[in-house]
Amino acid sequence: MFSAIRQRWPGEDIRVGVYNAGFGAFKPFFDVTEDDLSNVVDVNINGAFAFSREIISAFKDQNLDENGKRGTLIFTGATASLRGNVVTSAFAAGKF
């Protein structure tokens, strides 16, 4: 993704990164499989980490803007991260 952005806009600063990805296995706890949990971890945790690393790396190599900032990193959340229910156990854990 970052290669495509840099190729499309060479030499331009990246000032905002928004991680809005999410994966959930919306089923009762005892129906959640190891594969479901692996997918939750890959998207909600590993993906967020990889995205953060790329965007923060881009930010640190940029000059400060007029407000003294290099960029903004935003993560979207989900209500389940604070209050899960009977079918969001895996999703809630990943978003938390």
N, C-alpha and C. Protein backbone atom coordinates (compact mmCIF):
# COMPACT_ATOMS: atom_id res chain seq x y z
N MET A 1 0.83 -1.18 0.00
CA MET A 1 0.00 0.00 0.00
C MET A 1 0.87 1.25 0.00
N PHE A 2 1.88 1.29 0.88
CA PHE A 2 2.72 2.48 0.94
C PHE A 2 3.55 2.64 -0.32
N SER A 3 3.97 1.55 -0.93
CA SER A 3 4.71 1.64 -2.20
C SER A 3 3.84 2.29 -3.27
N ALA A 4 2.58 1.90 -3.32
CA ALA A 4 1.66 2.46 -4.31
C ALA A 4 1.43 3.95 -4.07
N ILE A 5 1.31 4.34 -2.81
CA ILE A 5 1.13 5.76 -2.48
C ILE A 5 2.35 6.56 -2.89
N ARG A 6 3.53 6.05 -2.55
CA ARG A 6 4.76 6.76 -2.89
C ARG A 6 4.98 6.83 -4.41
N GLN A 7 4.56 5.79 -5.10
CA GLN A 7 4.70 5.77 -6.56
C GLN A 7 3.75 6.78 -7.21
N ARG A 8 2.55 6.87 -6.67
CA ARG A 8 1.52 7.78 -7.23
C ARG A 8 1.86 9.24 -6.96
N TRP A 9 2.40 9.53 -5.76
CA TRP A 9 2.75 10.89 -5.35
C TRP A 9 4.20 10.96 -4.89
N PRO A 10 5.13 10.79 -5.81
CA PRO A 10 6.55 10.80 -5.43
C PRO A 10 6.97 12.14 -4.83
N GLY A 11 7.74 12.07 -3.76
CA GLY A 11 8.26 13.28 -3.14
C GLY A 11 7.29 14.02 -2.24
N GLU A 12 6.04 13.59 -2.19
CA GLU A 12 5.04 14.25 -1.35
C GLU A 12 5.09 13.69 0.06
N ASP A 13 4.86 14.54 1.05
CA ASP A 13 4.77 14.08 2.43
C ASP A 13 3.45 13.37 2.67
N ILE A 14 3.49 12.40 3.57
CA ILE A 14 2.26 11.75 4.04
C ILE A 14 1.96 12.41 5.38
N ARG A 15 0.85 13.12 5.47
CA ARG A 15 0.53 13.88 6.67
C ARG A 15 -0.52 13.21 7.56
N VAL A 16 -1.28 12.27 7.01
CA VAL A 16 -2.32 11.61 7.79
C VAL A 16 -2.35 10.12 7.43
N GLY A 17 -2.46 9.29 8.45
CA GLY A 17 -2.66 7.86 8.25
C GLY A 17 -3.86 7.42 9.07
N VAL A 18 -4.80 6.72 8.44
CA VAL A 18 -5.99 6.23 9.14
C VAL A 18 -6.06 4.72 9.00
N TYR A 19 -5.99 4.02 10.13
CA TYR A 19 -6.13 2.56 10.11
C TYR A 19 -7.56 2.23 10.49
N ASN A 20 -8.31 1.77 9.50
CA ASN A 20 -9.73 1.50 9.68
C ASN A 20 -10.05 0.03 9.39
N ALA A 21 -9.03 -0.80 9.38
CA ALA A 21 -9.26 -2.21 9.09
C ALA A 21 -9.78 -2.92 10.34
N GLY A 22 -10.53 -3.95 10.13
CA GLY A 22 -11.02 -4.75 11.25
C GLY A 22 -11.51 -6.09 10.75
N PHE A 23 -11.32 -7.09 11.57
CA PHE A 23 -11.83 -8.43 11.25
C PHE A 23 -12.49 -8.97 12.50
N GLY A 24 -13.64 -9.54 12.34
CA GLY A 24 -14.34 -10.12 13.48
C GLY A 24 -14.95 -11.47 13.14
N ALA A 25 -14.94 -12.33 14.10
CA ALA A 25 -15.63 -13.62 14.00
C ALA A 25 -16.87 -13.48 14.87
N PHE A 26 -17.96 -13.10 14.27
CA PHE A 26 -19.17 -12.79 15.03
C PHE A 26 -20.00 -14.05 15.23
N LYS A 27 -19.64 -14.78 16.28
CA LYS A 27 -20.34 -16.01 16.63
C LYS A 27 -20.12 -16.30 18.11
N PRO A 28 -20.92 -17.17 18.67
CA PRO A 28 -20.76 -17.48 20.09
C PRO A 28 -19.34 -17.97 20.41
N PHE A 29 -18.90 -17.69 21.61
CA PHE A 29 -17.53 -17.98 22.05
C PHE A 29 -17.10 -19.40 21.72
N PHE A 30 -17.91 -20.40 22.02
CA PHE A 30 -17.52 -21.78 21.80
C PHE A 30 -17.51 -22.19 20.33
N ASP A 31 -17.98 -21.31 19.45
CA ASP A 31 -17.92 -21.55 18.01
C ASP A 31 -16.72 -20.88 17.35
N VAL A 32 -16.02 -20.03 18.07
CA VAL A 32 -14.84 -19.35 17.55
C VAL A 32 -13.71 -20.37 17.42
N THR A 33 -13.09 -20.41 16.25
CA THR A 33 -12.02 -21.37 15.98
C THR A 33 -10.65 -20.69 16.11
N GLU A 34 -9.61 -21.50 16.12
CA GLU A 34 -8.25 -20.94 16.14
C GLU A 34 -7.98 -20.13 14.88
N ASP A 35 -8.52 -20.58 13.74
CA ASP A 35 -8.37 -19.81 12.50
C ASP A 35 -9.04 -18.45 12.61
N ASP A 36 -10.23 -18.41 13.22
CA ASP A 36 -10.92 -17.14 13.44
C ASP A 36 -10.04 -16.20 14.26
N LEU A 37 -9.51 -16.72 15.34
CA LEU A 37 -8.68 -15.92 16.23
C LEU A 37 -7.41 -15.46 15.52
N SER A 38 -6.82 -16.32 14.72
CA SER A 38 -5.63 -15.96 13.96
C SER A 38 -5.92 -14.80 13.01
N ASN A 39 -7.07 -14.85 12.33
CA ASN A 39 -7.46 -13.76 11.42
C ASN A 39 -7.69 -12.46 12.18
N VAL A 40 -8.32 -12.55 13.35
CA VAL A 40 -8.55 -11.37 14.19
C VAL A 40 -7.21 -10.74 14.56
N VAL A 41 -6.27 -11.54 15.00
CA VAL A 41 -4.95 -11.05 15.40
C VAL A 41 -4.21 -10.46 14.20
N ASP A 42 -4.25 -11.14 13.06
CA ASP A 42 -3.54 -10.65 11.87
C ASP A 42 -4.01 -9.27 11.44
N VAL A 43 -5.31 -9.06 11.40
CA VAL A 43 -5.83 -7.77 10.92
C VAL A 43 -5.81 -6.71 12.01
N ASN A 44 -6.35 -7.04 13.18
CA ASN A 44 -6.55 -6.04 14.23
C ASN A 44 -5.30 -5.71 15.03
N ILE A 45 -4.34 -6.61 15.08
CA ILE A 45 -3.13 -6.36 15.87
C ILE A 45 -1.90 -6.28 14.96
N ASN A 46 -1.60 -7.35 14.23
CA ASN A 46 -0.41 -7.34 13.37
C ASN A 46 -0.51 -6.28 12.27
N GLY A 47 -1.68 -6.17 11.67
CA GLY A 47 -1.88 -5.16 10.62
C GLY A 47 -1.73 -3.75 11.16
N ALA A 48 -2.29 -3.50 12.33
CA ALA A 48 -2.18 -2.18 12.96
C ALA A 48 -0.73 -1.85 13.27
N PHE A 49 0.01 -2.84 13.75
CA PHE A 49 1.43 -2.63 14.05
C PHE A 49 2.21 -2.31 12.78
N ALA A 50 2.01 -3.10 11.73
CA ALA A 50 2.74 -2.88 10.47
C ALA A 50 2.41 -1.51 9.88
N PHE A 51 1.14 -1.14 9.92
CA PHE A 51 0.71 0.17 9.42
C PHE A 51 1.38 1.28 10.22
N SER A 52 1.36 1.15 11.54
CA SER A 52 1.96 2.16 12.42
C SER A 52 3.44 2.34 12.13
N ARG A 53 4.13 1.24 11.96
CA ARG A 53 5.57 1.30 11.69
C ARG A 53 5.86 2.07 10.41
N GLU A 54 5.10 1.77 9.36
CA GLU A 54 5.30 2.45 8.08
C GLU A 54 4.99 3.94 8.17
N ILE A 55 3.86 4.26 8.76
CA ILE A 55 3.44 5.67 8.78
C ILE A 55 4.33 6.50 9.70
N ILE A 56 4.70 5.95 10.85
CA ILE A 56 5.57 6.69 11.76
C ILE A 56 6.96 6.85 11.15
N SER A 57 7.43 5.85 10.42
CA SER A 57 8.70 5.96 9.71
C SER A 57 8.65 7.09 8.69
N ALA A 58 7.52 7.19 7.97
CA ALA A 58 7.35 8.28 7.00
C ALA A 58 7.31 9.62 7.72
N PHE A 59 6.59 9.69 8.82
CA PHE A 59 6.48 10.95 9.57
C PHE A 59 7.85 11.44 10.04
N LYS A 60 8.66 10.53 10.58
CA LYS A 60 9.92 10.97 11.19
C LYS A 60 10.91 11.52 10.16
N ASP A 61 10.74 11.15 8.91
CA ASP A 61 11.63 11.63 7.86
C ASP A 61 11.15 12.94 7.22
N GLN A 62 10.00 13.45 7.68
CA GLN A 62 9.41 14.66 7.10
C GLN A 62 9.73 15.89 7.94
N ASN A 63 9.67 17.03 7.28
CA ASN A 63 9.83 18.30 7.99
C ASN A 63 8.57 18.63 8.77
N LEU A 64 8.72 19.46 9.77
CA LEU A 64 7.56 19.92 10.54
C LEU A 64 6.68 20.80 9.67
N ASP A 65 5.36 20.72 9.89
CA ASP A 65 4.45 21.62 9.17
C ASP A 65 4.36 22.95 9.93
N GLU A 66 3.47 23.82 9.50
CA GLU A 66 3.35 25.15 10.12
C GLU A 66 2.90 25.10 11.58
N ASN A 67 2.36 23.96 12.01
CA ASN A 67 1.94 23.79 13.41
C ASN A 67 2.97 23.04 14.24
N GLY A 68 4.11 22.75 13.65
CA GLY A 68 5.15 22.03 14.37
C GLY A 68 4.91 20.54 14.45
N LYS A 69 4.12 20.01 13.51
CA LYS A 69 3.77 18.58 13.49
C LYS A 69 4.34 17.92 12.24
N ARG A 70 4.51 16.61 12.34
CA ARG A 70 4.96 15.85 11.17
C ARG A 70 3.82 15.05 10.54
N GLY A 71 2.82 14.71 11.33
CA GLY A 71 1.71 13.94 10.80
C GLY A 71 0.78 13.49 11.91
N THR A 72 -0.33 12.90 11.50
CA THR A 72 -1.36 12.43 12.42
C THR A 72 -1.68 10.98 12.10
N LEU A 73 -1.70 10.15 13.12
CA LEU A 73 -2.04 8.74 12.99
C LEU A 73 -3.35 8.50 13.73
N ILE A 74 -4.33 7.95 13.03
CA ILE A 74 -5.66 7.72 13.60
C ILE A 74 -6.01 6.24 13.49
N PHE A 75 -6.52 5.69 14.58
CA PHE A 75 -7.06 4.33 14.59
C PHE A 75 -8.55 4.42 14.88
N THR A 76 -9.34 3.72 14.08
CA THR A 76 -10.75 3.65 14.40
C THR A 76 -10.95 2.51 15.39
N GLY A 77 -12.00 2.60 16.14
CA GLY A 77 -12.27 1.58 17.15
C GLY A 77 -13.62 0.94 16.92
N ALA A 78 -14.12 0.35 17.97
CA ALA A 78 -15.43 -0.29 17.92
C ALA A 78 -15.98 -0.34 19.34
N THR A 79 -17.27 -0.25 19.46
CA THR A 79 -17.91 -0.36 20.77
C THR A 79 -17.50 -1.65 21.46
N ALA A 80 -17.33 -2.70 20.69
CA ALA A 80 -16.96 -4.00 21.27
C ALA A 80 -15.63 -3.95 22.01
N SER A 81 -14.77 -3.00 21.69
CA SER A 81 -13.48 -2.92 22.39
C SER A 81 -13.67 -2.53 23.85
N LEU A 82 -14.77 -1.90 24.14
CA LEU A 82 -15.07 -1.49 25.52
C LEU A 82 -16.15 -2.36 26.16
N ARG A 83 -17.05 -2.86 25.33
CA ARG A 83 -18.17 -3.64 25.86
C ARG A 83 -18.58 -4.69 24.83
N GLY A 84 -17.98 -5.86 24.94
CA GLY A 84 -18.32 -6.94 24.04
C GLY A 84 -19.66 -7.56 24.39
N ASN A 85 -20.08 -8.51 23.57
CA ASN A 85 -21.31 -9.25 23.89
C ASN A 85 -21.11 -10.71 23.52
N VAL A 86 -22.16 -11.48 23.51
CA VAL A 86 -22.03 -12.94 23.37
C VAL A 86 -21.52 -13.39 22.00
N VAL A 87 -21.52 -12.52 21.00
CA VAL A 87 -21.01 -12.93 19.69
C VAL A 87 -19.81 -12.09 19.23
N THR A 88 -19.23 -11.30 20.13
CA THR A 88 -18.09 -10.47 19.72
C THR A 88 -16.82 -10.74 20.51
N SER A 89 -16.70 -11.90 21.12
CA SER A 89 -15.54 -12.15 21.97
C SER A 89 -14.21 -12.00 21.23
N ALA A 90 -14.07 -12.59 20.05
CA ALA A 90 -12.81 -12.50 19.30
C ALA A 90 -12.61 -11.09 18.76
N PHE A 91 -13.65 -10.49 18.21
CA PHE A 91 -13.57 -9.14 17.67
C PHE A 91 -13.22 -8.14 18.79
N ALA A 92 -13.87 -8.26 19.92
CA ALA A 92 -13.63 -7.36 21.06
C ALA A 92 -12.19 -7.42 21.51
N ALA A 93 -11.65 -8.61 21.58
CA ALA A 93 -10.24 -8.77 22.01
C ALA A 93 -9.30 -8.10 21.03
N GLY A 94 -9.56 -8.25 19.74
CA GLY A 94 -8.70 -7.65 18.72
C GLY A 94 -8.79 -6.15 18.68
N LYS A 95 -9.98 -5.59 18.84
CA LYS A 95 -10.15 -4.15 18.81
C LYS A 95 -9.69 -3.48 20.09
N PHE A 96 -9.71 -4.21 21.20
CA PHE A 96 -9.23 -3.66 22.46
C PHE A 96 -7.75 -3.40 22.39
